Amino acid sequence: MRPEYRIEDLAHHSGATVRTIRAYQDRGLLPRPERRGRSNVYEDSHLARLRQIADLLDRGYTLASIKELLDAWDTGRGLGGVLGLVAEVQGPWTDEEAARITRAELDARFGGTPDEEAVREAVELGVLERIPGRDSEEYLVPSPQELAVAVELHAAGVPLAAITGHLRELREQVEHIAGRFLEFTTEHVFARYLENRPPTDSDAAEAATMVRRLRPLAQQTVDAELARAMRILATRHLQIHLSPEAPPVRDDEPRPVQVPTDTIRAVQRLVGPEAVAAFVTAATEREINKRTLDALTLNALNSPTVH
């Protein structure tokens, strides 16, 4: 006979609490038990599923993604390829390893003066992550390189508020680039693997291999283009500041314009990220045309030939 468990026994063997088991049932992660009289009876399949869930949670999956994976398993598509694809996408996209830093070390690296507002903003941005349950105030640093850049900028005289503000703006722009790269690769590469929902085991495995191949391309492309842009713009800035007279700027040459972040967000919500530049250009041209018409009208009214 197959082993049978009451919910308390299932909790004991799986390491989950009775409350957690019931919550998994309510979310569809765990099949309902067999009802016998006034008792619920669980089997080894329930125990195996609980262990699967615990393993996936340990690997960093959310309950929502676990449900999708288990649904794929239940529909007979196989879980191996899907797990490999999700692991490939959710895995680290950089070789950089996280580090830890105490509050005292953090204050020392930024001049020795505590700044609660700066720490709060760093935590909000994810540059620092609080580590609970420690005797001393300690933080996880997901990207030591990013923190090192902030330290150098501050040492060079850049205020912390300006550094965090710049990071917020930069993050929006980088996320836009990442989104465009994903749209591009999905359209031309991954669409054929994602026709079935969820994908078949073989399609998911092939897609995971493709992710592994293409993963470095985004960073390599951005690095190359950033190096090109920095060389061109830095040279231009140097000419402006070292020349006795500023070099002439061609009328048809694009020029950077500072637009408040809140304005950009409002325009994105109105017309979408792709149309921001066109919208700003059109709005500017409309305002220029309006002022030109107003000036012409005013001149005509003030002209002695107009009665």
C-alpha atoms as a PDB file:
ATOM      1  CA  MET A   1       0.000   0.000   0.000  1.00  0.00           C
ATOM      2  CA  ARG A   2       1.127   3.541  -0.770  1.00  0.00           C
ATOM      3  CA  PRO A   3       2.136   5.648   2.252  1.00  0.00           C
ATOM      4  CA  GLU A   4      -0.524   8.066   3.422  1.00  0.00           C
ATOM      5  CA  TYR A   5      -0.114  11.161   5.584  1.00  0.00           C
ATOM      6  CA  ARG A   6      -2.230  13.477   7.629  1.00  0.00           C
ATOM      7  CA  ILE A   7      -1.351  17.123   7.122  1.00  0.00           C
ATOM      8  CA  GLU A   8       0.645  17.148  10.372  1.00  0.00           C
ATOM      9  CA  ASP A   9       2.652  14.105   9.213  1.00  0.00           C
ATOM     10  CA  LEU A  10       3.232  15.703   5.813  1.00  0.00           C
ATOM     11  CA  ALA A  11       4.497  18.852   7.506  1.00  0.00           C
ATOM     12  CA  HIS A  12       6.869  16.805   9.667  1.00  0.00           C
ATOM     13  CA  HIS A  13       8.352  14.859   6.735  1.00  0.00           C
ATOM     14  CA  SER A  14       8.628  17.839   4.377  1.00  0.00           C
ATOM     15  CA  GLY A  15       9.838  20.473   6.817  1.00  0.00           C
ATOM     16  CA  ALA A  16       7.008  22.834   5.826  1.00  0.00           C
ATOM     17  CA  THR A  17       4.463  24.132   8.302  1.00  0.00           C
ATOM     18  CA  VAL A  18       0.799  23.159   8.206  1.00  0.00           C
ATOM     19  CA  ARG A  19      -0.042  26.772   7.387  1.00  0.00           C
ATOM     20  CA  THR A  20       2.414  26.767   4.456  1.00  0.00           C
ATOM     21  CA  ILE A  21       0.958  23.529   3.053  1.00  0.00           C
ATOM     22  CA  ARG A  22      -2.538  24.999   3.112  1.00  0.00           C
ATOM     23  CA  ALA A  23      -1.277  28.194   1.477  1.00  0.00           C
ATOM     24  CA  TYR A  24       0.326  26.150  -1.324  1.00  0.00           C
ATOM     25  CA  GLN A  25      -2.985  24.362  -1.852  1.00  0.00           C
ATOM     26  CA  ASP A  26      -4.857  27.654  -2.082  1.00  0.00           C
ATOM     27  CA  ARG A  27      -2.382  28.967  -4.698  1.00  0.00           C
ATOM     28  CA  GLY A  28      -2.592  25.794  -6.790  1.00  0.00           C
ATOM     29  CA  LEU A  29       0.982  24.746  -6.098  1.00  0.00           C
ATOM     30  CA  LEU A  30      -0.041  21.562  -4.309  1.00  0.00           C
ATOM     31  CA  PRO A  31      -2.804  19.182  -5.425  1.00  0.00           C
ATOM     32  CA  ARG A  32      -5.779  18.863  -3.114  1.00  0.00           C
ATOM     33  CA  PRO A  33      -5.702  15.820  -0.797  1.00  0.00           C
ATOM     34  CA  GLU A  34      -8.170  12.976  -0.964  1.00  0.00           C
ATOM     35  CA  ARG A  35     -11.087  13.458   1.381  1.00  0.00           C
ATOM     36  CA  ARG A  36     -11.985  10.455   3.544  1.00  0.00           C
ATOM     37  CA  GLY A  37     -14.760  11.084   5.964  1.00  0.00           C
ATOM     38  CA  ARG A  38     -13.656  14.024   8.093  1.00  0.00           C
ATOM     39  CA  SER A  39      -9.956  13.648   7.269  1.00  0.00           C
ATOM     40  CA  ASN A  40      -7.692  14.759   4.419  1.00  0.00           C
ATOM     41  CA  VAL A  41      -5.227  12.154   3.189  1.00  0.00           C
ATOM     42  CA  TYR A  42      -1.949  13.046   1.461  1.00  0.00           C
ATOM     43  CA  GLU A  43       0.364  10.745  -0.498  1.00  0.00           C
ATOM     44  CA  ASP A  44       4.009  10.550  -1.537  1.00  0.00           C
ATOM     45  CA  SER A  45       3.243  12.705  -4.582  1.00  0.00           C
ATOM     46  CA  HIS A  46       2.361  15.563  -2.225  1.00  0.00           C
ATOM     47  CA  LEU A  47       5.588  15.066  -0.316  1.00  0.00           C
ATOM     48  CA  ALA A  48       7.617  15.042  -3.528  1.00  0.00           C
ATOM     49  CA  ARG A  49       5.915  18.230  -4.707  1.00  0.00           C
ATOM     50  CA  LEU A  50       6.669  20.004  -1.418  1.00  0.00           C
ATOM     51  CA  ARG A  51      10.320  19.031  -1.752  1.00  0.00           C
ATOM     52  CA  GLN A  52      10.353  20.321  -5.324  1.00  0.00           C
ATOM     53  CA  ILE A  53       8.940  23.646  -4.175  1.00  0.00           C
ATOM     54  CA  ALA A  54      11.474  23.926  -1.359  1.00  0.00           C
ATOM     55  CA  ASP A  55      14.338  23.198  -3.771  1.00  0.00           C
ATOM     56  CA  LEU A  56      13.155  25.836  -6.246  1.00  0.00           C
ATOM     57  CA  LEU A  57      12.719  28.421  -3.480  1.00  0.00           C
ATOM     58  CA  ASP A  58      16.287  27.731  -2.350  1.00  0.00           C
ATOM     59  CA  ARG A  59      17.439  28.375  -5.921  1.00  0.00           C
ATOM     60  CA  GLY A  60      15.817  31.808  -5.903  1.00  0.00           C
ATOM     61  CA  TYR A  61      12.555  31.215  -7.762  1.00  0.00           C
ATOM     62  CA  THR A  62       9.411  33.078  -6.762  1.00  0.00           C
ATOM     63  CA  LEU A  63       6.178  31.229  -5.999  1.00  0.00           C
ATOM     64  CA  ALA A  64       4.641  32.640  -9.188  1.00  0.00           C
ATOM     65  CA  SER A  65       7.448  31.278 -11.376  1.00  0.00           C
ATOM     66  CA  ILE A  66       7.381  27.969  -9.499  1.00  0.00           C
ATOM     67  CA  LYS A  67       3.697  27.599 -10.305  1.00  0.00           C
ATOM     68  CA  GLU A  68       4.398  28.124 -14.008  1.00  0.00           C
ATOM     69  CA  LEU A  69       7.156  25.522 -13.931  1.00  0.00           C
ATOM     70  CA  LEU A  70       5.053  22.972 -12.082  1.00  0.00           C
ATOM     71  CA  ASP A  71       2.142  23.596 -14.447  1.00  0.00           C
ATOM     72  CA  ALA A  72       4.505  22.793 -17.317  1.00  0.00           C
ATOM     73  CA  TRP A  73       5.450  19.572 -15.579  1.00  0.00           C
ATOM     74  CA  ASP A  74       1.796  18.647 -14.981  1.00  0.00           C
ATOM     75  CA  THR A  75       0.876  19.216 -18.630  1.00  0.00           C
ATOM     76  CA  GLY A  76       3.479  16.656 -19.641  1.00  0.00           C
ATOM     77  CA  ARG A  77       5.847  19.052 -21.356  1.00  0.00           C
ATOM     78  CA  GLY A  78       8.722  18.157 -19.090  1.00  0.00           C
ATOM     79  CA  LEU A  79      10.402  20.354 -16.521  1.00  0.00           C
ATOM     80  CA  GLY A  80      14.083  19.911 -17.342  1.00  0.00           C
ATOM     81  CA  GLY A  81      14.268  22.275 -20.311  1.00  0.00           C
ATOM     82  CA  VAL A  82      12.001  24.859 -18.721  1.00  0.00           C
ATOM     83  CA  LEU A  83      14.067  24.842 -15.533  1.00  0.00           C
ATOM     84  CA  GLY A  84      17.223  25.252 -17.564  1.00  0.00           C
ATOM     85  CA  LEU A  85      15.799  28.213 -19.479  1.00  0.00           C
ATOM     86  CA  VAL A  86      14.543  29.990 -16.355  1.00  0.00           C
ATOM     87  CA  ALA A  87      17.819  29.318 -14.538  1.00  0.00           C
ATOM     88  CA  GLU A  88      19.773  30.727 -17.489  1.00  0.00           C
ATOM     89  CA  VAL A  89      17.694  33.916 -17.622  1.00  0.00           C
ATOM     90  CA  GLN A  90      17.466  34.468 -13.865  1.00  0.00           C
ATOM     91  CA  GLY A  91      21.117  33.619 -13.231  1.00  0.00           C
ATOM     92  CA  PRO A  92      23.820  36.273 -12.840  1.00  0.00           C
ATOM     93  CA  TRP A  93      24.505  38.344 -15.962  1.00  0.00           C
ATOM     94  CA  THR A  94      27.917  39.370 -14.700  1.00  0.00           C
ATOM     95  CA  ASP A  95      30.958  37.680 -13.194  1.00  0.00           C
ATOM     96  CA  GLU A  96      31.042  40.270 -10.399  1.00  0.00           C
ATOM     97  CA  GLU A  97      30.515  38.829  -6.920  1.00  0.00           C
ATOM     98  CA  ALA A  98      28.590  40.566  -4.150  1.00  0.00           C
ATOM     99  CA  ALA A  99      30.458  41.796  -1.071  1.00  0.00           C
ATOM    100  CA  ARG A 100      29.606  42.907   2.452  1.00  0.00           C
ATOM    101  CA  ILE A 101      30.348  46.173   4.190  1.00  0.00           C
ATOM    102  CA  THR A 102      29.687  47.438   7.716  1.00  0.00           C
ATOM    103  CA  ARG A 103      28.182  50.842   8.367  1.00  0.00           C
ATOM    104  CA  ALA A 104      31.451  52.010   9.882  1.00  0.00           C
ATOM    105  CA  GLU A 105      33.373  50.961   6.759  1.00  0.00           C
ATOM    106  CA  LEU A 106      30.766  52.605   4.551  1.00  0.00           C
ATOM    107  CA  ASP A 107      30.976  55.925   6.410  1.00  0.00           C
ATOM    108  CA  ALA A 108      34.785  55.797   6.282  1.00  0.00           C
ATOM    109  CA  ARG A 109      34.812  55.312   2.493  1.00  0.00           C
ATOM    110  CA  PHE A 110      32.638  58.391   2.065  1.00  0.00           C
ATOM    111  CA  GLY A 111      34.683  60.780   4.174  1.00  0.00           C
ATOM    112  CA  GLY A 112      33.802  59.592   7.666  1.00  0.00           C
ATOM    113  CA  THR A 113      30.634  61.676   8.054  1.00  0.00           C
ATOM    114  CA  PRO A 114      27.420  59.610   8.389  1.00  0.00           C
ATOM    115  CA  ASP A 115      24.712  60.511   5.899  1.00  0.00           C
ATOM    116  CA  GLU A 116      21.413  58.786   6.694  1.00  0.00           C
ATOM    117  CA  GLU A 117      19.614  60.165   3.639  1.00  0.00           C
ATOM    118  CA  ALA A 118      22.328  58.900   1.291  1.00  0.00           C
ATOM    119  CA  VAL A 119      22.207  55.432   2.855  1.00  0.00           C
ATOM    120  CA  ARG A 120      18.419  55.377   2.580  1.00  0.00           C
ATOM    121  CA  GLU A 121      18.593  56.268  -1.111  1.00  0.00           C
ATOM    122  CA  ALA A 122      21.307  53.666  -1.714  1.00  0.00           C
ATOM    123  CA  VAL A 123      19.100  50.984  -0.143  1.00  0.00           C
ATOM    124  CA  GLU A 124      16.109  52.180  -2.181  1.00  0.00           C
ATOM    125  CA  LEU A 125      18.171  51.936  -5.381  1.00  0.00           C
ATOM    126  CA  GLY A 126      19.490  48.474  -4.458  1.00  0.00           C
ATOM    127  CA  VAL A 127      23.111  49.641  -4.298  1.00  0.00           C
ATOM    128  CA  LEU A 128      23.021  48.444  -0.676  1.00  0.00           C
ATOM    129  CA  GLU A 129      20.862  45.703   0.872  1.00  0.00           C
ATOM    130  CA  ARG A 130      20.345  45.571   4.623  1.00  0.00           C
ATOM    131  CA  ILE A 131      21.410  42.339   6.331  1.00  0.00           C
ATOM    132  CA  PRO A 132      19.002  41.692   9.226  1.00  0.00           C
ATOM    133  CA  GLY A 133      19.871  39.910  12.432  1.00  0.00           C
ATOM    134  CA  ARG A 134      23.424  41.240  12.763  1.00  0.00           C
ATOM    135  CA  ASP A 135      24.927  42.718  15.918  1.00  0.00           C
ATOM    136  CA  SER A 136      26.476  45.546  13.865  1.00  0.00           C
ATOM    137  CA  GLU A 137      24.799  47.398  11.013  1.00  0.00           C
ATOM    138  CA  GLU A 138      25.934  45.550   7.901  1.00  0.00           C
ATOM    139  CA  TYR A 139      24.994  45.679   4.218  1.00  0.00           C
ATOM    140  CA  LEU A 140      25.253  43.450   1.193  1.00  0.00           C
ATOM    141  CA  VAL A 141      26.776  45.186  -1.836  1.00  0.00           C
ATOM    142  CA  PRO A 142      25.428  43.479  -5.001  1.00  0.00           C
ATOM    143  CA  SER A 143      27.873  45.414  -7.214  1.00  0.00           C
ATOM    144  CA  PRO A 144      31.133  46.442  -5.509  1.00  0.00           C
ATOM    145  CA  GLN A 145      32.165  48.131  -8.788  1.00  0.00           C
ATOM    146  CA  GLU A 146      29.134  50.416  -8.667  1.00  0.00           C
ATOM    147  CA  LEU A 147      29.882  51.352  -5.059  1.00  0.00           C
ATOM    148  CA  ALA A 148      33.534  51.970  -5.940  1.00  0.00           C
ATOM    149  CA  VAL A 149      32.461  54.389  -8.690  1.00  0.00           C
ATOM    150  CA  ALA A 150      30.323  56.303  -6.195  1.00  0.00           C
ATOM    151  CA  VAL A 151      33.261  56.483  -3.777  1.00  0.00           C
ATOM    152  CA  GLU A 152      35.576  57.895  -6.459  1.00  0.00           C
ATOM    153  CA  LEU A 153      33.008  60.438  -7.648  1.00  0.00           C
ATOM    154  CA  HIS A 154      32.413  61.605  -4.075  1.00  0.00           C
ATOM    155  CA  ALA A 155      36.153  61.878  -3.473  1.00  0.00           C
ATOM    156  CA  ALA A 156      36.374  64.021  -6.624  1.00  0.00           C
ATOM    157  CA  GLY A 157      33.837  66.428  -5.148  1.00  0.00           C
ATOM    158  CA  VAL A 158      30.495  65.191  -6.473  1.00  0.00           C
ATOM    159  CA  PRO A 159      27.743  65.453  -3.791  1.00  0.00           C
ATOM    160  CA  LEU A 160      26.035  62.182  -2.834  1.00  0.00           C
ATOM    161  CA  ALA A 161      22.625  63.559  -3.830  1.00  0.00           C
ATOM    162  CA  ALA A 162      23.950  64.277  -7.326  1.00  0.00           C
ATOM    163  CA  ILE A 163      25.418  60.767  -7.573  1.00  0.00           C
ATOM    164  CA  THR A 164      22.131  59.059  -6.665  1.00  0.00           C
ATOM    165  CA  GLY A 165      20.176  61.381  -8.965  1.00  0.00           C
ATOM    166  CA  HIS A 166      22.537  60.556 -11.829  1.00  0.00           C
ATOM    167  CA  LEU A 167      22.189  56.824 -11.097  1.00  0.00           C
ATOM    168  CA  ARG A 168      18.397  57.043 -11.254  1.00  0.00           C
ATOM    169  CA  GLU A 169      18.568  58.770 -14.631  1.00  0.00           C
ATOM    170  CA  LEU A 170      21.218  56.373 -15.934  1.00  0.00           C
ATOM    171  CA  ARG A 171      19.225  53.349 -14.781  1.00  0.00           C
ATOM    172  CA  GLU A 172      16.159  54.469 -16.743  1.00  0.00           C
ATOM    173  CA  GLN A 173      18.231  54.858 -19.890  1.00  0.00           C
ATOM    174  CA  VAL A 174      20.017  51.518 -19.464  1.00  0.00           C
ATOM    175  CA  GLU A 175      16.731  49.709 -18.810  1.00  0.00           C
ATOM    176  CA  HIS A 176      15.413  51.214 -22.039  1.00  0.00           C
ATOM    177  CA  ILE A 177      18.472  49.855 -23.906  1.00  0.00           C
ATOM    178  CA  ALA A 178      18.009  46.433 -22.293  1.00  0.00           C
ATOM    179  CA  GLY A 179      14.341  46.424 -23.242  1.00  0.00           C
ATOM    180  CA  ARG A 180      15.147  47.229 -26.870  1.00  0.00           C
ATOM    181  CA  PHE A 181      17.772  44.465 -26.982  1.00  0.00           C
ATOM    182  CA  LEU A 182      15.248  41.963 -25.604  1.00  0.00           C
ATOM    183  CA  GLU A 183      12.608  43.037 -28.120  1.00  0.00           C
ATOM    184  CA  PHE A 184      15.146  42.733 -30.938  1.00  0.00           C
ATOM    185  CA  THR A 185      16.398  39.272 -29.945  1.00  0.00           C
ATOM    186  CA  THR A 186      12.895  38.002 -29.181  1.00  0.00           C
ATOM    187  CA  GLU A 187      11.630  39.058 -32.591  1.00  0.00           C
ATOM    188  CA  HIS A 188      14.548  37.631 -34.564  1.00  0.00           C
ATOM    189  CA  VAL A 189      15.789  34.748 -32.400  1.00  0.00           C
ATOM    190  CA  PHE A 190      13.540  33.562 -29.593  1.00  0.00           C
ATOM    191  CA  ALA A 191      10.086  33.866 -31.139  1.00  0.00           C
ATOM    192  CA  ARG A 192      10.393  30.408 -32.688  1.00  0.00           C
ATOM    193  CA  TYR A 193      11.121  28.852 -29.289  1.00  0.00           C
ATOM    194  CA  LEU A 194       8.211  30.559 -27.547  1.00  0.00           C
ATOM    195  CA  GLU A 195       5.350  29.645 -29.891  1.00  0.00           C
ATOM    196  CA  ASN A 196       4.045  27.058 -27.407  1.00  0.00           C
ATOM    197  CA  ARG A 197       2.981  28.143 -23.928  1.00  0.00           C
ATOM    198  CA  PRO A 198       4.671  26.736 -21.999  1.00  0.00           C
ATOM    199  CA  PRO A 199       7.452  25.787 -24.443  1.00  0.00           C
ATOM    200  CA  THR A 200       8.240  22.158 -25.080  1.00  0.00           C
ATOM    201  CA  ASP A 201      11.148  20.624 -23.208  1.00  0.00           C
ATOM    202  CA  SER A 202      13.377  20.580 -26.298  1.00  0.00           C
ATOM    203  CA  ASP A 203      12.482  24.162 -27.317  1.00  0.00           C
ATOM    204  CA  ALA A 204      13.191  25.416 -23.795  1.00  0.00           C
ATOM    205  CA  ALA A 205      16.551  23.624 -23.750  1.00  0.00           C
ATOM    206  CA  GLU A 206      17.528  25.130 -27.131  1.00  0.00           C
ATOM    207  CA  ALA A 207      16.412  28.598 -25.989  1.00  0.00           C
ATOM    208  CA  ALA A 208      18.540  28.261 -22.821  1.00  0.00           C
ATOM    209  CA  THR A 209      21.567  27.447 -24.971  1.00  0.00           C
ATOM    210  CA  MET A 210      20.850  30.481 -27.137  1.00  0.00           C
ATOM    211  CA  VAL A 211      20.558  32.734 -24.063  1.00  0.00           C
ATOM    212  CA  ARG A 212      23.962  31.497 -22.939  1.00  0.00           C
ATOM    213  CA  ARG A 213      25.437  32.380 -26.344  1.00  0.00           C
ATOM    214  CA  LEU A 214      23.828  35.798 -26.670  1.00  0.00           C
ATOM    215  CA  ARG A 215      24.113  36.916 -23.044  1.00  0.00           C
ATOM    216  CA  PRO A 216      27.500  38.679 -23.424  1.00  0.00           C
ATOM    217  CA  LEU A 217      26.488  40.459 -26.645  1.00  0.00           C
ATOM    218  CA  ALA A 218      24.385  43.152 -24.975  1.00  0.00           C
ATOM    219  CA  GLN A 219      27.187  44.240 -22.657  1.00  0.00           C
ATOM    220  CA  GLN A 220      29.827  44.022 -25.399  1.00  0.00           C
ATOM    221  CA  THR A 221      27.732  46.203 -27.699  1.00  0.00           C
ATOM    222  CA  VAL A 222      27.013  48.787 -24.993  1.00  0.00           C
ATOM    223  CA  ASP A 223      30.687  48.854 -23.942  1.00  0.00           C
ATOM    224  CA  ALA A 224      31.815  49.455 -27.537  1.00  0.00           C
ATOM    225  CA  GLU A 225      29.221  52.155 -28.217  1.00  0.00           C
ATOM    226  CA  LEU A 226      29.862  53.874 -24.883  1.00  0.00           C
ATOM    227  CA  ALA A 227      33.601  53.947 -25.607  1.00  0.00           C
ATOM    228  CA  ARG A 228      32.920  55.445 -29.045  1.00  0.00           C
ATOM    229  CA  ALA A 229      30.517  58.070 -27.685  1.00  0.00           C
ATOM    230  CA  MET A 230      32.823  59.019 -24.794  1.00  0.00           C
ATOM    231  CA  ARG A 231      35.760  59.506 -27.160  1.00  0.00           C
ATOM    232  CA  ILE A 232      33.749  61.770 -29.490  1.00  0.00           C
ATOM    233  CA  LEU A 233      31.974  63.784 -26.791  1.00  0.00           C
ATOM    234  CA  ALA A 234      34.988  64.073 -24.463  1.00  0.00           C
ATOM    235  CA  THR A 235      37.090  65.401 -27.351  1.00  0.00           C
ATOM    236  CA  ARG A 236      34.367  67.903 -28.214  1.00  0.00           C
ATOM    237  CA  HIS A 237      34.080  69.064 -24.594  1.00  0.00           C
ATOM    238  CA  LEU A 238      37.839  69.432 -24.352  1.00  0.00           C
ATOM    239  CA  GLN A 239      37.887  71.583 -27.490  1.00  0.00           C
ATOM    240  CA  ILE A 240      35.168  73.791 -26.059  1.00  0.00           C
ATOM    241  CA  HIS A 241      37.010  74.382 -22.790  1.00  0.00           C
ATOM    242  CA  LEU A 242      40.545  74.738 -24.206  1.00  0.00           C
ATOM    243  CA  SER A 243      39.854  76.761 -27.346  1.00  0.00           C
ATOM    244  CA  PRO A 244      39.905  80.589 -27.098  1.00  0.00           C
ATOM    245  CA  GLU A 245      36.601  80.548 -28.917  1.00  0.00           C
ATOM    246  CA  ALA A 246      34.026  77.845 -28.855  1.00  0.00           C
ATOM    247  CA  PRO A 247      34.050  75.754 -32.064  1.00  0.00           C
ATOM    248  CA  PRO A 248      31.115  76.470 -34.333  1.00  0.00           C
ATOM    249  CA  VAL A 249      28.224  74.047 -34.026  1.00  0.00           C
ATOM    250  CA  ARG A 250      26.482  72.987 -37.192  1.00  0.00           C
ATOM    251  CA  ASP A 251      22.831  73.921 -37.354  1.00  0.00           C
ATOM    252  CA  ASP A 252      21.840  70.360 -38.261  1.00  0.00           C
ATOM    253  CA  GLU A 253      23.973  68.728 -35.560  1.00  0.00           C
ATOM    254  CA  PRO A 254      22.036  67.141 -32.654  1.00  0.00           C
ATOM    255  CA  ARG A 255      22.682  68.803 -29.310  1.00  0.00           C
ATOM    256  CA  PRO A 256      22.038  67.346 -25.856  1.00  0.00           C
ATOM    257  CA  VAL A 257      19.285  69.047 -23.858  1.00  0.00           C
ATOM    258  CA  GLN A 258      18.661  68.544 -20.144  1.00  0.00           C
ATOM    259  CA  VAL A 259      15.029  67.578 -19.522  1.00  0.00           C
ATOM    260  CA  PRO A 260      13.736  66.939 -15.956  1.00  0.00           C
ATOM    261  CA  THR A 261      13.247  63.255 -15.162  1.00  0.00           C
ATOM    262  CA  ASP A 262       9.629  63.822 -14.102  1.00  0.00           C
ATOM    263  CA  THR A 263       8.901  65.377 -17.499  1.00  0.00           C
ATOM    264  CA  ILE A 264      10.403  62.400 -19.322  1.00  0.00           C
ATOM    265  CA  ARG A 265       8.348  59.989 -17.210  1.00  0.00           C
ATOM    266  CA  ALA A 266       5.158  61.931 -17.919  1.00  0.00           C
ATOM    267  CA  VAL A 267       5.845  61.865 -21.667  1.00  0.00           C
ATOM    268  CA  GLN A 268       6.627  58.119 -21.530  1.00  0.00           C
ATOM    269  CA  ARG A 269       3.291  57.463 -19.848  1.00  0.00           C
ATOM    270  CA  LEU A 270       1.555  59.570 -22.490  1.00  0.00           C
ATOM    271  CA  VAL A 271       3.141  58.294 -25.721  1.00  0.00           C
ATOM    272  CA  GLY A 272       5.416  55.398 -24.700  1.00  0.00           C
ATOM    273  CA  PRO A 273       9.252  55.241 -24.441  1.00  0.00           C
ATOM    274  CA  GLU A 274       9.795  54.928 -28.204  1.00  0.00           C
ATOM    275  CA  ALA A 275       8.026  58.216 -29.047  1.00  0.00           C
ATOM    276  CA  VAL A 276       9.543  60.494 -26.381  1.00  0.00           C
ATOM    277  CA  ALA A 277      12.050  62.193 -28.714  1.00  0.00           C
ATOM    278  CA  ALA A 278       9.463  62.687 -31.465  1.00  0.00           C
ATOM    279  CA  PHE A 279       6.926  64.081 -28.984  1.00  0.00           C
ATOM    280  CA  VAL A 280       9.399  66.557 -27.457  1.00  0.00           C
ATOM    281  CA  THR A 281      10.500  67.642 -30.947  1.00  0.00           C
ATOM    282  CA  ALA A 282       6.914  68.115 -32.123  1.00  0.00           C
ATOM    283  CA  ALA A 283       5.922  70.008 -28.964  1.00  0.00           C
ATOM    284  CA  THR A 284       8.940  72.297 -29.322  1.00  0.00           C
ATOM    285  CA  GLU A 285       8.248  72.985 -32.989  1.00  0.00           C
ATOM    286  CA  ARG A 286       4.615  73.726 -32.207  1.00  0.00           C
ATOM    287  CA  GLU A 287       5.632  76.214 -29.514  1.00  0.00           C
ATOM    288  CA  ILE A 288       8.114  77.899 -31.876  1.00  0.00           C
ATOM    289  CA  ASN A 289       5.495  78.157 -34.615  1.00  0.00           C
ATOM    290  CA  LYS A 290       2.973  79.560 -32.135  1.00  0.00           C
ATOM    291  CA  ARG A 291       5.394  82.237 -30.972  1.00  0.00           C
ATOM    292  CA  THR A 292       6.282  83.081 -34.583  1.00  0.00           C
ATOM    293  CA  LEU A 293       2.604  83.532 -35.433  1.00  0.00           C
ATOM    294  CA  ASP A 294       2.053  85.636 -32.318  1.00  0.00           C
ATOM    295  CA  ALA A 295       5.021  87.853 -33.233  1.00  0.00           C
ATOM    296  CA  LEU A 296       3.792  88.271 -36.803  1.00  0.00           C
ATOM    297  CA  THR A 297       0.316  89.137 -35.600  1.00  0.00           C
ATOM    298  CA  LEU A 298       1.647  91.654 -33.072  1.00  0.00           C
ATOM    299  CA  ASN A 299       3.857  93.306 -35.688  1.00  0.00           C
ATOM    300  CA  ALA A 300       0.931  93.526 -38.078  1.00  0.00           C
ATOM    301  CA  LEU A 301      -1.298  95.117 -35.444  1.00  0.00           C
ATOM    302  CA  ASN A 302       1.380  97.674 -34.581  1.00  0.00           C
ATOM    303  CA  SER A 303       2.012  98.494 -38.228  1.00  0.00           C
ATOM    304  CA  PRO A 304       0.621 101.937 -39.320  1.00  0.00           C
ATOM    305  CA  THR A 305      -0.714 100.348 -42.518  1.00  0.00           C
ATOM    306  CA  VAL A 306      -3.159  98.269 -40.499  1.00  0.00           C
ATOM    307  CA  HIS A 307      -6.393 100.172 -39.594  1.00  0.00           C
END
